[in-house]
Structures are given as C-alpha cells and as structure tokens.
Amino acid sequence: MKRLSTMKQLAERANCSVRHLQRLCAEGKGPPVIQFGARAIRIADDDGDAWIAARRKTPPGWDETSTA
C-alpha cells in the first residue's frame, strides 16, 4: 500500500511553504494529488519524491559527476 502525505508534510520535505505548493498544484506544476473530499487532499509519497527529484538542478559551474 502506498503511503500518503499531507500538503504540509510534502512542503516540509520540499522546503517550501504549503501555500506555494498549493499554488503549484493549482497551476498544474505540482505533484498529482488525491482528493478525498472538499478539503482532504493527499499526495502519494512516490509521486512527491518523483516531483522533488524532477525539480533538482545542478547549479552552473558545478561538476555534475562529483558527490559532495
């Protein structure tokens, strides 16, 4: 069974605010959500982890092969 996270839990893992995450989801730029009711929204941990990993970028000038 997949584990589900709240918006608050995922926002903490992504190091952003809940409101920012809600805005991204509303724009279609956030992770897929599961809506159980009018206010009960959850995100599958696998989807949240994949969304966070997809946003990872290597800063210019950094060596992409190093593991610092």
C-alpha atoms as a PDB file:
ATOM      1  CA  MET A   1       0.000   0.000   0.000  1.00  0.00           C
ATOM      2  CA  LYS A   2       1.289   3.453  -0.901  1.00  0.00           C
ATOM      3  CA  ARG A   3       1.882   5.931   1.868  1.00  0.00           C
ATOM      4  CA  LEU A   4       0.174   9.280   1.594  1.00  0.00           C
ATOM      5  CA  SER A   5       1.398  12.674   2.765  1.00  0.00           C
ATOM      6  CA  THR A   6      -0.444  15.871   3.529  1.00  0.00           C
ATOM      7  CA  MET A   7       0.407  19.109   1.748  1.00  0.00           C
ATOM      8  CA  LYS A   8       2.162  20.258   4.921  1.00  0.00           C
ATOM      9  CA  GLN A   9       4.331  17.136   5.095  1.00  0.00           C
ATOM     10  CA  LEU A  10       5.358  17.387   1.438  1.00  0.00           C
ATOM     11  CA  ALA A  11       6.017  21.127   1.742  1.00  0.00           C
ATOM     12  CA  GLU A  12       8.395  20.418   4.638  1.00  0.00           C
ATOM     13  CA  ARG A  13      10.223  17.763   2.569  1.00  0.00           C
ATOM     14  CA  ALA A  14      10.404  20.118  -0.434  1.00  0.00           C
ATOM     15  CA  ASN A  15      11.484  23.045   1.763  1.00  0.00           C
ATOM     16  CA  CYS A  16       8.706  25.343   0.581  1.00  0.00           C
ATOM     17  CA  SER A  17       5.534  26.793   2.047  1.00  0.00           C
ATOM     18  CA  VAL A  18       2.202  25.000   1.931  1.00  0.00           C
ATOM     19  CA  ARG A  19       0.709  27.934   0.038  1.00  0.00           C
ATOM     20  CA  HIS A  20       3.448  27.774  -2.619  1.00  0.00           C
ATOM     21  CA  LEU A  21       2.831  24.044  -3.062  1.00  0.00           C
ATOM     22  CA  GLN A  22      -0.934  24.638  -3.319  1.00  0.00           C
ATOM     23  CA  ARG A  23      -0.330  27.326  -5.948  1.00  0.00           C
ATOM     24  CA  LEU A  24       1.894  24.999  -7.991  1.00  0.00           C
ATOM     25  CA  CYS A  25      -0.728  22.242  -7.852  1.00  0.00           C
ATOM     26  CA  ALA A  26      -3.451  24.677  -8.941  1.00  0.00           C
ATOM     27  CA  GLU A  27      -1.293  25.719 -11.921  1.00  0.00           C
ATOM     28  CA  GLY A  28      -0.652  22.080 -12.862  1.00  0.00           C
ATOM     29  CA  LYS A  29       3.043  22.345 -11.975  1.00  0.00           C
ATOM     30  CA  GLY A  30       2.899  20.394  -8.714  1.00  0.00           C
ATOM     31  CA  PRO A  31       2.693  16.702  -7.971  1.00  0.00           C
ATOM     32  CA  PRO A  32      -0.529  14.796  -8.676  1.00  0.00           C
ATOM     33  CA  VAL A  33      -2.949  14.971  -5.747  1.00  0.00           C
ATOM     34  CA  ILE A  34      -5.575  12.599  -4.411  1.00  0.00           C
ATOM     35  CA  GLN A  35      -8.707  14.402  -3.265  1.00  0.00           C
ATOM     36  CA  PHE A  36     -10.832  12.601  -0.674  1.00  0.00           C
ATOM     37  CA  GLY A  37     -13.212  15.474  -0.006  1.00  0.00           C
ATOM     38  CA  ALA A  38     -13.599  19.220  -0.283  1.00  0.00           C
ATOM     39  CA  ARG A  39     -10.510  19.858   1.867  1.00  0.00           C
ATOM     40  CA  ALA A  40      -8.926  16.431   2.340  1.00  0.00           C
ATOM     41  CA  ILE A  41      -6.041  16.291  -0.134  1.00  0.00           C
ATOM     42  CA  ARG A  42      -3.153  13.831  -0.010  1.00  0.00           C
ATOM     43  CA  ILE A  43      -0.132  13.131  -2.189  1.00  0.00           C
ATOM     44  CA  ALA A  44       1.358   9.671  -2.695  1.00  0.00           C
ATOM     45  CA  ASP A  45       4.913   9.618  -1.339  1.00  0.00           C
ATOM     46  CA  ASP A  46       6.194   8.104  -4.603  1.00  0.00           C
ATOM     47  CA  ASP A  47       4.662  10.976  -6.597  1.00  0.00           C
ATOM     48  CA  GLY A  48       6.001  13.572  -4.156  1.00  0.00           C
ATOM     49  CA  ASP A  49       9.507  12.105  -4.244  1.00  0.00           C
ATOM     50  CA  ALA A  50       9.465  11.954  -8.060  1.00  0.00           C
ATOM     51  CA  TRP A  51       8.261  15.566  -8.246  1.00  0.00           C
ATOM     52  CA  ILE A  52      11.032  16.745  -5.913  1.00  0.00           C
ATOM     53  CA  ALA A  53      13.671  14.774  -7.866  1.00  0.00           C
ATOM     54  CA  ALA A  54      12.451  16.238 -11.180  1.00  0.00           C
ATOM     55  CA  ARG A  55      12.966  19.766  -9.827  1.00  0.00           C
ATOM     56  CA  ARG A  56      16.600  19.101  -8.888  1.00  0.00           C
ATOM     57  CA  LYS A  57      19.042  21.114 -10.985  1.00  0.00           C
ATOM     58  CA  THR A  58      22.819  21.349 -10.928  1.00  0.00           C
ATOM     59  CA  PRO A  59      23.960  24.960 -10.405  1.00  0.00           C
ATOM     60  CA  PRO A  60      26.068  26.438 -13.234  1.00  0.00           C
ATOM     61  CA  GLY A  61      29.760  25.746 -12.782  1.00  0.00           C
ATOM     62  CA  TRP A  62      29.288  22.750 -10.514  1.00  0.00           C
ATOM     63  CA  ASP A  63      30.731  19.421 -11.545  1.00  0.00           C
ATOM     64  CA  GLU A  64      27.778  17.116 -12.201  1.00  0.00           C
ATOM     65  CA  THR A  65      29.853  13.973 -11.553  1.00  0.00           C
ATOM     66  CA  SER A  66      31.047  14.898  -8.050  1.00  0.00           C
ATOM     67  CA  THR A  67      29.251  13.558  -4.995  1.00  0.00           C
ATOM     68  CA  ALA A  68      29.892  16.234  -2.370  1.00  0.00           C
END
